[in-house]
Amino acid sequence: MRTHNGCHLTLLLILLAIPPTGPAQGASSSALLPGFQRWEFKLDSIAREALVYLPATAKEKPAPVVFVFHGHGGTAQNAARSFAIHRHWPEAISVCMQGLNTPGRLTDPEGKRTGWQMRVGDQQDRDLKFFDAVLARVKQNSKADGKRIFATGHSNGGGFTYLLWAERGDIFAAVAPSSGMSVESLPKLKPKPAMHLAGETDALVKFDWQKRSMETVRKLNGCDAEGKPWDKSCTLYPSRTGTPFVAYIHPGGHALPAGAYALIAKFFKEQ
């Protein structure tokens, strides 16, 4: 590389040395995915936003609703793109909420990156209040099917999915947390169809931790001791009470394989 007095090279080295960071407080990409709307809220003087895919049919007939929660340091835009519920289940209303800068339990203790509360009372329950507000607006703007409301999320978003199950459980038909857990939420869970997605070599949210959560849920749901194949990498544990559990266990780490997202939609459709 040719430089003038080394300036260009110095600038390049500075840029390479800057570690990647999460988006600014409450921010998400300005370029929306086709079909999505940006909904803005103000709760307790804090600006919040959610990206919502609202199919035209949702104003004419009851439509399922799928809430998707990004991981720590993530954005609603990336969650919409990766989970792609709008492609895997185009008849469903897809809601990707944007988290605020939040201290992480395993990383980012100073809370410089976006995330979700993990316990009741954290950050004055701002994320539980946000969920309530978004769901209320979804119902106002569509014929949302109250019997087909679902939640999924990855990592910190998976932990928040467990928290919602514990604190707003009666709302959901089924949940599908991924690479996440919430020990405090487990004692408050009520039986519900659930799918948990985990990597055997997850170096962040240890697989053994997630395995214990899965065992707790299977027992809670009254599932059979023996499972049976359901799809690739998936084991279905039937339940006589209508609350089955699916374990999606892949050989990778914290990130989900690309094909996993379609299976989340498949699981929700079956409920």
C-alpha atoms as a PDB file:
ATOM      1  CA  MET A   1       0.000   0.000   0.000  1.00  0.00           C
ATOM      2  CA  ARG A   2       1.339   3.420  -0.943  1.00  0.00           C
ATOM      3  CA  THR A   3       0.872   6.049   1.703  1.00  0.00           C
ATOM      4  CA  HIS A   4       1.589   9.715   2.228  1.00  0.00           C
ATOM      5  CA  ASN A   5       3.745  10.017   5.337  1.00  0.00           C
ATOM      6  CA  GLY A   6       2.207   6.752   6.566  1.00  0.00           C
ATOM      7  CA  CYS A   7      -1.179   8.429   7.174  1.00  0.00           C
ATOM      8  CA  HIS A   8      -3.255   5.925   5.234  1.00  0.00           C
ATOM      9  CA  LEU A   9      -1.553   2.967   6.867  1.00  0.00           C
ATOM     10  CA  THR A  10      -1.970   4.493  10.319  1.00  0.00           C
ATOM     11  CA  LEU A  11      -5.685   5.051   9.703  1.00  0.00           C
ATOM     12  CA  LEU A  12      -6.103   1.465   8.535  1.00  0.00           C
ATOM     13  CA  LEU A  13      -4.386   0.102  11.632  1.00  0.00           C
ATOM     14  CA  ILE A  14      -6.581   2.260  13.871  1.00  0.00           C
ATOM     15  CA  LEU A  15      -9.733   0.980  12.182  1.00  0.00           C
ATOM     16  CA  LEU A  16      -8.611  -2.634  12.500  1.00  0.00           C
ATOM     17  CA  ALA A  17      -7.854  -2.119  16.184  1.00  0.00           C
ATOM     18  CA  ILE A  18     -11.340  -0.818  17.007  1.00  0.00           C
ATOM     19  CA  PRO A  19     -13.370  -3.728  18.443  1.00  0.00           C
ATOM     20  CA  PRO A  20     -16.865  -4.253  17.082  1.00  0.00           C
ATOM     21  CA  THR A  21     -19.559  -2.799  19.307  1.00  0.00           C
ATOM     22  CA  GLY A  22     -23.309  -3.054  19.526  1.00  0.00           C
ATOM     23  CA  PRO A  23     -25.600  -0.398  18.133  1.00  0.00           C
ATOM     24  CA  ALA A  24     -26.375   2.785  20.011  1.00  0.00           C
ATOM     25  CA  GLN A  25     -29.035   2.824  22.701  1.00  0.00           C
ATOM     26  CA  GLY A  26     -32.250   1.558  21.165  1.00  0.00           C
ATOM     27  CA  ALA A  27     -30.973   1.935  17.606  1.00  0.00           C
ATOM     28  CA  SER A  28     -31.628  -0.345  14.650  1.00  0.00           C
ATOM     29  CA  SER A  29     -30.706  -0.149  11.002  1.00  0.00           C
ATOM     30  CA  SER A  30     -32.623   2.506   9.067  1.00  0.00           C
ATOM     31  CA  ALA A  31     -33.086   0.300   5.993  1.00  0.00           C
ATOM     32  CA  LEU A  32     -36.122  -1.875   6.637  1.00  0.00           C
ATOM     33  CA  LEU A  33     -36.573  -5.324   5.173  1.00  0.00           C
ATOM     34  CA  PRO A  34     -39.329  -5.415   2.532  1.00  0.00           C
ATOM     35  CA  GLY A  35     -42.764  -5.687   4.136  1.00  0.00           C
ATOM     36  CA  PHE A  36     -41.697  -4.463   7.585  1.00  0.00           C
ATOM     37  CA  GLN A  37     -42.903  -1.354   9.391  1.00  0.00           C
ATOM     38  CA  ARG A  38     -41.130   0.547  12.174  1.00  0.00           C
ATOM     39  CA  TRP A  39     -43.380   1.161  15.167  1.00  0.00           C
ATOM     40  CA  GLU A  40     -42.261   3.739  17.727  1.00  0.00           C
ATOM     41  CA  PHE A  41     -43.231   3.879  21.397  1.00  0.00           C
ATOM     42  CA  LYS A  42     -42.480   6.062  24.395  1.00  0.00           C
ATOM     43  CA  LEU A  43     -42.652   4.290  27.742  1.00  0.00           C
ATOM     44  CA  ASP A  44     -41.618   5.991  30.986  1.00  0.00           C
ATOM     45  CA  SER A  45     -40.035   8.744  28.837  1.00  0.00           C
ATOM     46  CA  ILE A  46     -37.864   6.165  27.013  1.00  0.00           C
ATOM     47  CA  ALA A  47     -38.097   5.826  23.229  1.00  0.00           C
ATOM     48  CA  ARG A  48     -38.568   2.256  22.026  1.00  0.00           C
ATOM     49  CA  GLU A  49     -39.143   0.685  18.650  1.00  0.00           C
ATOM     50  CA  ALA A  50     -40.172  -2.575  17.023  1.00  0.00           C
ATOM     51  CA  LEU A  51     -40.078  -3.844  13.455  1.00  0.00           C
ATOM     52  CA  VAL A  52     -43.353  -5.454  12.448  1.00  0.00           C
ATOM     53  CA  TYR A  53     -44.276  -7.557   9.438  1.00  0.00           C
ATOM     54  CA  LEU A  54     -48.024  -7.235   9.052  1.00  0.00           C
ATOM     55  CA  PRO A  55     -49.386  -9.314   6.152  1.00  0.00           C
ATOM     56  CA  ALA A  56     -52.407  -7.850   4.387  1.00  0.00           C
ATOM     57  CA  THR A  57     -54.500 -10.861   5.378  1.00  0.00           C
ATOM     58  CA  ALA A  58     -53.930 -10.014   9.064  1.00  0.00           C
ATOM     59  CA  LYS A  59     -56.499  -7.213   8.783  1.00  0.00           C
ATOM     60  CA  GLU A  60     -59.098  -9.553   7.299  1.00  0.00           C
ATOM     61  CA  LYS A  61     -58.828 -12.804   9.253  1.00  0.00           C
ATOM     62  CA  PRO A  62     -57.199 -14.069  12.474  1.00  0.00           C
ATOM     63  CA  ALA A  63     -53.427 -14.298  12.095  1.00  0.00           C
ATOM     64  CA  PRO A  64     -50.766 -15.933  14.271  1.00  0.00           C
ATOM     65  CA  VAL A  65     -48.236 -13.631  15.942  1.00  0.00           C
ATOM     66  CA  VAL A  66     -44.557 -14.479  16.442  1.00  0.00           C
ATOM     67  CA  PHE A  67     -42.365 -12.336  18.700  1.00  0.00           C
ATOM     68  CA  VAL A  68     -38.619 -12.571  17.981  1.00  0.00           C
ATOM     69  CA  PHE A  69     -35.909 -11.338  20.384  1.00  0.00           C
ATOM     70  CA  HIS A  70     -32.311 -10.670  19.351  1.00  0.00           C
ATOM     71  CA  GLY A  71     -29.298 -11.632  21.434  1.00  0.00           C
ATOM     72  CA  HIS A  72     -27.074  -9.347  23.515  1.00  0.00           C
ATOM     73  CA  GLY A  73     -25.538  -6.730  21.251  1.00  0.00           C
ATOM     74  CA  GLY A  74     -28.012  -7.505  18.484  1.00  0.00           C
ATOM     75  CA  THR A  75     -30.663  -5.554  16.628  1.00  0.00           C
ATOM     76  CA  ALA A  76     -34.276  -6.069  15.646  1.00  0.00           C
ATOM     77  CA  GLN A  77     -33.240  -5.773  12.011  1.00  0.00           C
ATOM     78  CA  ASN A  78     -30.749  -8.643  12.273  1.00  0.00           C
ATOM     79  CA  ALA A  79     -33.271 -10.762  14.150  1.00  0.00           C
ATOM     80  CA  ALA A  80     -35.850 -10.174  11.420  1.00  0.00           C
ATOM     81  CA  ARG A  81     -33.318 -11.139   8.776  1.00  0.00           C
ATOM     82  CA  SER A  82     -31.937 -14.273  10.480  1.00  0.00           C
ATOM     83  CA  PHE A  83     -35.136 -15.763  11.924  1.00  0.00           C
ATOM     84  CA  ALA A  84     -37.030 -14.748   8.764  1.00  0.00           C
ATOM     85  CA  ILE A  85     -40.413 -15.751  10.161  1.00  0.00           C
ATOM     86  CA  HIS A  86     -41.970 -13.613   7.417  1.00  0.00           C
ATOM     87  CA  ARG A  87     -40.534 -16.058   4.849  1.00  0.00           C
ATOM     88  CA  HIS A  88     -41.027 -19.303   6.733  1.00  0.00           C
ATOM     89  CA  TRP A  89     -44.587 -18.399   7.766  1.00  0.00           C
ATOM     90  CA  PRO A  90     -45.778 -15.474   5.597  1.00  0.00           C
ATOM     91  CA  GLU A  91     -49.328 -15.608   6.990  1.00  0.00           C
ATOM     92  CA  ALA A  92     -48.016 -14.755  10.459  1.00  0.00           C
ATOM     93  CA  ILE A  93     -47.481 -11.337  11.993  1.00  0.00           C
ATOM     94  CA  SER A  94     -43.782 -11.115  12.829  1.00  0.00           C
ATOM     95  CA  VAL A  95     -42.646  -8.756  15.596  1.00  0.00           C
ATOM     96  CA  CYS A  96     -38.955  -8.017  16.211  1.00  0.00           C
ATOM     97  CA  MET A  97     -38.518  -5.736  19.202  1.00  0.00           C
ATOM     98  CA  GLN A  98     -35.387  -3.656  19.768  1.00  0.00           C
ATOM     99  CA  GLY A  99     -33.586  -3.965  23.083  1.00  0.00           C
ATOM    100  CA  LEU A 100     -31.820  -1.159  24.960  1.00  0.00           C
ATOM    101  CA  ASN A 101     -28.282  -1.046  26.311  1.00  0.00           C
ATOM    102  CA  THR A 102     -28.378  -3.544  29.159  1.00  0.00           C
ATOM    103  CA  PRO A 103     -25.738  -5.166  31.411  1.00  0.00           C
ATOM    104  CA  GLY A 104     -25.062  -8.741  30.337  1.00  0.00           C
ATOM    105  CA  ARG A 105     -24.796 -11.669  32.713  1.00  0.00           C
ATOM    106  CA  LEU A 106     -21.922 -13.365  30.887  1.00  0.00           C
ATOM    107  CA  THR A 107     -20.446 -10.443  28.933  1.00  0.00           C
ATOM    108  CA  ASP A 108     -20.673  -6.636  28.873  1.00  0.00           C
ATOM    109  CA  PRO A 109     -21.223  -5.991  32.616  1.00  0.00           C
ATOM    110  CA  GLU A 110     -21.198  -2.234  31.983  1.00  0.00           C
ATOM    111  CA  GLY A 111     -24.197  -2.504  29.676  1.00  0.00           C
ATOM    112  CA  LYS A 112     -22.735  -0.871  26.581  1.00  0.00           C
ATOM    113  CA  ARG A 113     -24.635  -3.155  24.214  1.00  0.00           C
ATOM    114  CA  THR A 114     -28.286  -3.870  23.577  1.00  0.00           C
ATOM    115  CA  GLY A 115     -30.167  -6.607  25.381  1.00  0.00           C
ATOM    116  CA  TRP A 116     -33.075  -7.624  27.574  1.00  0.00           C
ATOM    117  CA  GLN A 117     -33.823  -7.836  31.266  1.00  0.00           C
ATOM    118  CA  MET A 118     -33.302 -11.302  32.710  1.00  0.00           C
ATOM    119  CA  ARG A 119     -35.125 -11.015  36.038  1.00  0.00           C
ATOM    120  CA  VAL A 120     -38.348  -9.482  37.262  1.00  0.00           C
ATOM    121  CA  GLY A 121     -37.565  -5.967  38.467  1.00  0.00           C
ATOM    122  CA  ASP A 122     -34.450  -5.429  36.353  1.00  0.00           C
ATOM    123  CA  GLN A 123     -34.401  -1.950  34.782  1.00  0.00           C
ATOM    124  CA  GLN A 124     -37.839  -1.258  36.303  1.00  0.00           C
ATOM    125  CA  ASP A 125     -39.276  -4.052  34.124  1.00  0.00           C
ATOM    126  CA  ARG A 126     -38.938  -1.821  31.100  1.00  0.00           C
ATOM    127  CA  ASP A 127     -38.848  -4.765  28.667  1.00  0.00           C
ATOM    128  CA  LEU A 128     -41.901  -6.492  30.117  1.00  0.00           C
ATOM    129  CA  LYS A 129     -43.765  -3.174  29.843  1.00  0.00           C
ATOM    130  CA  PHE A 130     -42.507  -2.784  26.288  1.00  0.00           C
ATOM    131  CA  PHE A 131     -43.777  -6.242  25.345  1.00  0.00           C
ATOM    132  CA  ASP A 132     -47.208  -5.415  26.792  1.00  0.00           C
ATOM    133  CA  ALA A 133     -47.358  -2.182  24.773  1.00  0.00           C
ATOM    134  CA  VAL A 134     -46.309  -3.829  21.519  1.00  0.00           C
ATOM    135  CA  LEU A 135     -48.791  -6.689  21.898  1.00  0.00           C
ATOM    136  CA  ALA A 136     -51.587  -4.193  22.617  1.00  0.00           C
ATOM    137  CA  ARG A 137     -50.791  -2.259  19.426  1.00  0.00           C
ATOM    138  CA  VAL A 138     -50.594  -5.457  17.377  1.00  0.00           C
ATOM    139  CA  LYS A 139     -54.114  -6.304  18.529  1.00  0.00           C
ATOM    140  CA  GLN A 140     -55.305  -2.784  17.702  1.00  0.00           C
ATOM    141  CA  ASN A 141     -53.875  -2.888  14.181  1.00  0.00           C
ATOM    142  CA  SER A 142     -54.809  -6.424  13.140  1.00  0.00           C
ATOM    143  CA  LYS A 143     -56.978  -9.430  13.767  1.00  0.00           C
ATOM    144  CA  ALA A 144     -54.285 -11.105  15.837  1.00  0.00           C
ATOM    145  CA  ASP A 145     -55.290 -14.605  16.869  1.00  0.00           C
ATOM    146  CA  GLY A 146     -55.103 -14.608  20.658  1.00  0.00           C
ATOM    147  CA  LYS A 147     -54.803 -18.404  20.671  1.00  0.00           C
ATOM    148  CA  ARG A 148     -51.738 -18.391  18.400  1.00  0.00           C
ATOM    149  CA  ILE A 149     -49.191 -16.042  19.933  1.00  0.00           C
ATOM    150  CA  PHE A 150     -45.606 -17.327  20.077  1.00  0.00           C
ATOM    151  CA  ALA A 151     -42.184 -16.188  21.282  1.00  0.00           C
ATOM    152  CA  THR A 152     -38.649 -17.105  20.280  1.00  0.00           C
ATOM    153  CA  GLY A 153     -35.239 -15.543  20.807  1.00  0.00           C
ATOM    154  CA  HIS A 154     -31.542 -16.280  20.723  1.00  0.00           C
ATOM    155  CA  SER A 155     -29.053 -16.159  23.602  1.00  0.00           C
ATOM    156  CA  ASN A 156     -30.084 -13.216  25.826  1.00  0.00           C
ATOM    157  CA  GLY A 157     -33.258 -13.161  23.718  1.00  0.00           C
ATOM    158  CA  GLY A 158     -33.757 -16.825  24.588  1.00  0.00           C
ATOM    159  CA  GLY A 159     -33.439 -15.972  28.259  1.00  0.00           C
ATOM    160  CA  PHE A 160     -36.016 -13.214  27.825  1.00  0.00           C
ATOM    161  CA  THR A 161     -38.299 -15.738  26.123  1.00  0.00           C
ATOM    162  CA  TYR A 162     -38.092 -17.847  29.288  1.00  0.00           C
ATOM    163  CA  LEU A 163     -38.860 -14.747  31.372  1.00  0.00           C
ATOM    164  CA  LEU A 164     -41.933 -14.003  29.256  1.00  0.00           C
ATOM    165  CA  TRP A 165     -43.041 -17.611  29.649  1.00  0.00           C
ATOM    166  CA  ALA A 166     -42.768 -17.201  33.414  1.00  0.00           C
ATOM    167  CA  GLU A 167     -44.382 -13.753  33.668  1.00  0.00           C
ATOM    168  CA  ARG A 168     -46.791 -13.674  30.694  1.00  0.00           C
ATOM    169  CA  GLY A 169     -47.234 -17.393  30.152  1.00  0.00           C
ATOM    170  CA  ASP A 170     -50.991 -17.365  29.646  1.00  0.00           C
ATOM    171  CA  ILE A 171     -50.523 -15.281  26.497  1.00  0.00           C
ATOM    172  CA  PHE A 172     -48.462 -17.794  24.533  1.00  0.00           C
ATOM    173  CA  ALA A 173     -49.438 -20.926  22.640  1.00  0.00           C
ATOM    174  CA  ALA A 174     -45.803 -22.082  22.513  1.00  0.00           C
ATOM    175  CA  VAL A 175     -42.242 -20.815  22.931  1.00  0.00           C
ATOM    176  CA  ALA A 176     -38.858 -21.629  21.370  1.00  0.00           C
ATOM    177  CA  PRO A 177     -35.828 -20.238  23.231  1.00  0.00           C
ATOM    178  CA  SER A 178     -32.430 -20.682  21.556  1.00  0.00           C
ATOM    179  CA  SER A 179     -28.978 -20.860  23.183  1.00  0.00           C
ATOM    180  CA  GLY A 180     -30.328 -19.227  26.316  1.00  0.00           C
ATOM    181  CA  MET A 181     -31.618 -19.923  29.780  1.00  0.00           C
ATOM    182  CA  SER A 182     -33.067 -18.221  32.829  1.00  0.00           C
ATOM    183  CA  VAL A 183     -32.649 -20.116  36.069  1.00  0.00           C
ATOM    184  CA  GLU A 184     -34.839 -17.662  37.986  1.00  0.00           C
ATOM    185  CA  SER A 185     -37.738 -18.204  35.571  1.00  0.00           C
ATOM    186  CA  LEU A 186     -37.859 -22.006  35.719  1.00  0.00           C
ATOM    187  CA  PRO A 187     -39.788 -22.347  39.025  1.00  0.00           C
ATOM    188  CA  LYS A 188     -42.556 -20.051  37.692  1.00  0.00           C
ATOM    189  CA  LEU A 189     -43.131 -21.820  34.372  1.00  0.00           C
ATOM    190  CA  LYS A 190     -46.447 -23.484  33.615  1.00  0.00           C
ATOM    191  CA  PRO A 191     -46.729 -26.427  31.183  1.00  0.00           C
ATOM    192  CA  LYS A 192     -46.619 -25.234  27.582  1.00  0.00           C
ATOM    193  CA  PRO A 193     -45.473 -26.613  24.222  1.00  0.00           C
ATOM    194  CA  ALA A 194     -41.809 -25.689  23.932  1.00  0.00           C
ATOM    195  CA  MET A 195     -38.785 -26.132  21.727  1.00  0.00           C
ATOM    196  CA  HIS A 196     -35.248 -25.473  22.932  1.00  0.00           C
ATOM    197  CA  LEU A 197     -32.327 -25.093  20.530  1.00  0.00           C
ATOM    198  CA  ALA A 198     -28.774 -25.632  21.769  1.00  0.00           C
ATOM    199  CA  GLY A 199     -25.237 -26.255  20.524  1.00  0.00           C
ATOM    200  CA  GLU A 200     -23.195 -29.025  22.130  1.00  0.00           C
ATOM    201  CA  THR A 201     -20.018 -26.906  22.017  1.00  0.00           C
ATOM    202  CA  ASP A 202     -21.565 -23.606  23.118  1.00  0.00           C
ATOM    203  CA  ALA A 203     -18.731 -21.774  24.892  1.00  0.00           C
ATOM    204  CA  LEU A 204     -20.928 -18.930  26.158  1.00  0.00           C
ATOM    205  CA  VAL A 205     -24.158 -20.451  27.457  1.00  0.00           C
ATOM    206  CA  LYS A 206     -22.783 -23.857  28.417  1.00  0.00           C
ATOM    207  CA  PHE A 207     -24.587 -26.849  26.978  1.00  0.00           C
ATOM    208  CA  ASP A 208     -24.786 -28.491  30.428  1.00  0.00           C
ATOM    209  CA  TRP A 209     -26.667 -25.440  31.728  1.00  0.00           C
ATOM    210  CA  GLN A 210     -29.118 -25.614  28.858  1.00  0.00           C
ATOM    211  CA  LYS A 211     -29.465 -29.369  29.223  1.00  0.00           C
ATOM    212  CA  ARG A 212     -30.650 -28.932  32.812  1.00  0.00           C
ATOM    213  CA  SER A 213     -33.233 -26.388  31.647  1.00  0.00           C
ATOM    214  CA  MET A 214     -34.471 -28.798  28.985  1.00  0.00           C
ATOM    215  CA  GLU A 215     -34.798 -31.600  31.511  1.00  0.00           C
ATOM    216  CA  THR A 216     -36.773 -29.307  33.826  1.00  0.00           C
ATOM    217  CA  VAL A 217     -39.170 -28.353  31.028  1.00  0.00           C
ATOM    218  CA  ARG A 218     -39.669 -31.955  29.923  1.00  0.00           C
ATOM    219  CA  LYS A 219     -40.604 -32.925  33.470  1.00  0.00           C
ATOM    220  CA  LEU A 220     -42.860 -29.882  33.834  1.00  0.00           C
ATOM    221  CA  ASN A 221     -44.653 -30.705  30.576  1.00  0.00           C
ATOM    222  CA  GLY A 222     -45.246 -34.312  31.577  1.00  0.00           C
ATOM    223  CA  CYS A 223     -43.342 -35.591  28.563  1.00  0.00           C
ATOM    224  CA  ASP A 224     -42.531 -39.205  27.781  1.00  0.00           C
ATOM    225  CA  ALA A 225     -39.109 -40.355  28.933  1.00  0.00           C
ATOM    226  CA  GLU A 226     -38.224 -41.544  25.452  1.00  0.00           C
ATOM    227  CA  GLY A 227     -38.245 -39.196  22.526  1.00  0.00           C
ATOM    228  CA  LYS A 228     -38.626 -39.865  18.821  1.00  0.00           C
ATOM    229  CA  PRO A 229     -37.176 -38.210  15.707  1.00  0.00           C
ATOM    230  CA  TRP A 230     -39.039 -35.075  14.652  1.00  0.00           C
ATOM    231  CA  ASP A 231     -36.714 -33.479  12.090  1.00  0.00           C
ATOM    232  CA  LYS A 232     -32.991 -33.126  11.468  1.00  0.00           C
ATOM    233  CA  SER A 233     -31.168 -32.843  14.833  1.00  0.00           C
ATOM    234  CA  CYS A 234     -34.562 -32.750  16.590  1.00  0.00           C
ATOM    235  CA  THR A 235     -36.111 -35.083  19.143  1.00  0.00           C
ATOM    236  CA  LEU A 236     -39.797 -34.844  20.021  1.00  0.00           C
ATOM    237  CA  TYR A 237     -40.933 -35.767  23.523  1.00  0.00           C
ATOM    238  CA  PRO A 238     -44.722 -36.262  23.366  1.00  0.00           C
ATOM    239  CA  SER A 239     -46.942 -35.287  26.267  1.00  0.00           C
ATOM    240  CA  ARG A 240     -50.325 -36.715  27.233  1.00  0.00           C
ATOM    241  CA  THR A 241     -51.358 -33.248  28.369  1.00  0.00           C
ATOM    242  CA  GLY A 242     -50.771 -31.694  24.947  1.00  0.00           C
ATOM    243  CA  THR A 243     -47.581 -29.897  25.945  1.00  0.00           C
ATOM    244  CA  PRO A 244     -44.863 -31.578  23.845  1.00  0.00           C
ATOM    245  CA  PHE A 245     -41.201 -30.641  23.964  1.00  0.00           C
ATOM    246  CA  VAL A 246     -38.753 -30.611  21.046  1.00  0.00           C
ATOM    247  CA  ALA A 247     -35.004 -30.608  21.659  1.00  0.00           C
ATOM    248  CA  TYR A 248     -32.962 -29.290  18.737  1.00  0.00           C
ATOM    249  CA  ILE A 249     -29.353 -30.179  19.542  1.00  0.00           C
ATOM    250  CA  HIS A 250     -26.670 -29.429  16.967  1.00  0.00           C
ATOM    251  CA  PRO A 251     -22.916 -30.108  17.156  1.00  0.00           C
ATOM    252  CA  GLY A 252     -21.936 -26.440  16.803  1.00  0.00           C
ATOM    253  CA  GLY A 253     -21.433 -23.594  19.235  1.00  0.00           C
ATOM    254  CA  HIS A 254     -23.462 -20.577  20.283  1.00  0.00           C
ATOM    255  CA  ALA A 255     -24.717 -19.639  16.805  1.00  0.00           C
ATOM    256  CA  LEU A 256     -27.633 -21.483  15.238  1.00  0.00           C
ATOM    257  CA  PRO A 257     -27.267 -23.364  11.939  1.00  0.00           C
ATOM    258  CA  ALA A 258     -29.146 -21.611   9.152  1.00  0.00           C
ATOM    259  CA  GLY A 259     -31.745 -24.359   8.807  1.00  0.00           C
ATOM    260  CA  ALA A 260     -32.849 -24.076  12.426  1.00  0.00           C
ATOM    261  CA  TYR A 261     -35.041 -21.035  11.889  1.00  0.00           C
ATOM    262  CA  ALA A 262     -37.402 -22.816   9.516  1.00  0.00           C
ATOM    263  CA  LEU A 263     -37.837 -25.539  12.147  1.00  0.00           C
ATOM    264  CA  ILE A 264     -38.928 -22.962  14.728  1.00  0.00           C
ATOM    265  CA  ALA A 265     -41.691 -21.861  12.357  1.00  0.00           C
ATOM    266  CA  LYS A 266     -42.595 -25.508  11.710  1.00  0.00           C
ATOM    267  CA  PHE A 267     -42.908 -26.161  15.441  1.00  0.00           C
ATOM    268  CA  PHE A 268     -45.129 -23.141  15.973  1.00  0.00           C
ATOM    269  CA  LYS A 269     -47.377 -24.127  13.075  1.00  0.00           C
ATOM    270  CA  GLU A 270     -47.940 -27.535  14.653  1.00  0.00           C
ATOM    271  CA  GLN A 271     -49.288 -25.964  17.841  1.00  0.00           C
END
